[in-house]
Amino acid sequence: MTVNFQYVNVDVSETLSAFTKEKLEKLFNKYEFLISASVYFKQDDKDHDKGKICNIELSLPGPRIFANSNEHNFEVSVRETIKDLERQLKKRKQVYKTH
């Protein structure tokens, strides 16, 4: 499992990276066809209520899967993004089962 982290206008956080990697490992264990993940953390200064953006792109056979969320802190944003990815992966797994 390869996970690439990029922090855009945000300080690098080892705890946030470890938290995200732990959540992604569960996906990688559940869906064996995943190859790698690219994670982007961004801060939107214009959005005062939320503004903590997490984008995750998963590489797998076929088209890549992408999800993002904008929440009030990065941990919640990571959880929401991974929920969206899991929903997409369930649909993709159904396609693989039919072939």
Protein backbone atom coordinates (compact mmCIF):
# COMPACT_ATOMS: atom_id res chain seq x y z
CA MET A 1 0.00 0.00 0.00
CA THR A 2 1.40 3.34 -1.06
CA VAL A 3 -0.03 6.54 0.39
CA ASN A 4 1.19 9.95 -0.76
CA PHE A 5 0.37 12.97 1.40
CA GLN A 6 0.36 16.58 0.23
CA TYR A 7 -0.36 19.53 2.47
CA VAL A 8 -1.49 22.69 0.64
CA ASN A 9 -1.40 25.87 2.78
CA VAL A 10 -1.40 23.64 5.89
CA ASP A 11 1.42 22.66 8.25
CA VAL A 12 2.54 19.03 7.93
CA SER A 13 1.06 16.91 10.71
CA GLU A 14 2.41 13.47 11.54
CA THR A 15 -0.62 12.64 13.71
CA LEU A 16 -3.02 13.55 10.90
CA SER A 17 -0.99 11.45 8.45
CA ALA A 18 -1.00 8.49 10.85
CA PHE A 19 -4.76 8.84 11.46
CA THR A 20 -5.47 8.95 7.72
CA LYS A 21 -3.14 6.03 6.98
CA GLU A 22 -4.85 3.94 9.66
CA LYS A 23 -8.28 4.62 8.11
CA LEU A 24 -6.98 3.87 4.61
CA GLU A 25 -5.40 0.58 5.74
CA LYS A 26 -8.88 -0.70 6.59
CA LEU A 27 -9.97 0.03 3.01
CA PHE A 28 -6.84 -1.58 1.56
CA ASN A 29 -7.43 -4.71 3.67
CA LYS A 30 -11.09 -4.92 2.67
CA TYR A 31 -10.59 -4.22 -1.05
CA GLU A 32 -7.53 -6.12 -2.25
CA PHE A 33 -7.59 -4.57 -5.74
CA LEU A 34 -6.50 -1.12 -4.47
CA ILE A 35 -3.04 -0.02 -5.57
CA SER A 36 -2.30 3.37 -3.98
CA ALA A 37 -3.81 6.53 -2.54
CA SER A 38 -3.06 10.24 -2.90
CA VAL A 39 -4.25 12.41 -0.03
CA TYR A 40 -4.43 16.21 -0.20
CA PHE A 41 -5.11 18.42 2.80
CA LYS A 42 -6.10 22.00 2.02
CA GLN A 43 -7.29 24.97 4.03
CA ASP A 44 -9.87 27.38 2.66
CA ASP A 45 -9.51 30.66 4.55
CA LYS A 46 -12.65 32.11 2.96
CA ASP A 47 -14.94 29.49 4.55
CA HIS A 48 -15.08 30.35 8.27
CA ASP A 49 -17.50 27.59 9.34
CA LYS A 50 -15.67 24.76 7.67
CA GLY A 51 -12.65 25.20 5.42
CA LYS A 52 -10.70 22.01 6.24
CA ILE A 53 -10.65 20.11 2.96
CA CYS A 54 -9.53 16.51 2.46
CA ASN A 55 -9.23 15.08 -1.06
CA ILE A 56 -8.40 11.40 -1.55
CA GLU A 57 -7.81 9.72 -4.89
CA LEU A 58 -7.55 5.93 -5.03
CA SER A 59 -5.68 4.16 -7.78
CA LEU A 60 -7.08 0.78 -8.85
CA PRO A 61 -7.69 -1.15 -12.06
CA GLY A 62 -9.95 0.90 -14.30
CA PRO A 63 -10.85 4.53 -13.62
CA ARG A 64 -9.56 6.14 -10.44
CA ILE A 65 -11.93 6.89 -7.59
CA PHE A 66 -11.96 10.36 -6.07
CA ALA A 67 -13.76 11.90 -3.10
CA ASN A 68 -13.45 15.05 -1.06
CA SER A 69 -15.13 16.75 1.86
CA ASN A 70 -15.06 20.14 3.54
CA GLU A 71 -15.61 20.05 7.31
CA HIS A 72 -14.76 22.03 10.45
CA ASN A 73 -11.66 19.91 11.22
CA PHE A 74 -9.44 17.52 9.28
CA GLU A 75 -10.32 14.33 11.22
CA VAL A 76 -14.03 14.71 10.42
CA SER A 77 -13.14 15.57 6.84
CA VAL A 78 -11.04 12.38 6.51
CA ARG A 79 -13.88 10.23 7.92
CA GLU A 80 -16.44 11.71 5.53
CA THR A 81 -14.14 11.31 2.54
CA ILE A 82 -13.44 7.67 3.38
CA LYS A 83 -17.19 7.00 3.78
CA ASP A 84 -17.73 8.36 0.27
CA LEU A 85 -14.88 6.25 -1.09
CA GLU A 86 -16.23 3.11 0.57
CA ARG A 87 -19.62 3.69 -1.03
CA GLN A 88 -17.95 3.96 -4.44
CA LEU A 89 -15.79 0.90 -3.79
CA LYS A 90 -18.83 -1.22 -2.93
CA LYS A 91 -20.33 -0.35 -6.31
CA ARG A 92 -17.04 -1.12 -8.05
CA LYS A 93 -16.71 -4.46 -6.24
CA GLN A 94 -20.14 -5.48 -7.56
CA VAL A 95 -18.83 -4.89 -11.08
CA TYR A 96 -15.80 -7.10 -10.42
CA LYS A 97 -17.95 -9.91 -9.03
CA THR A 98 -20.01 -10.15 -12.21
CA HIS A 99 -16.94 -10.78 -14.42
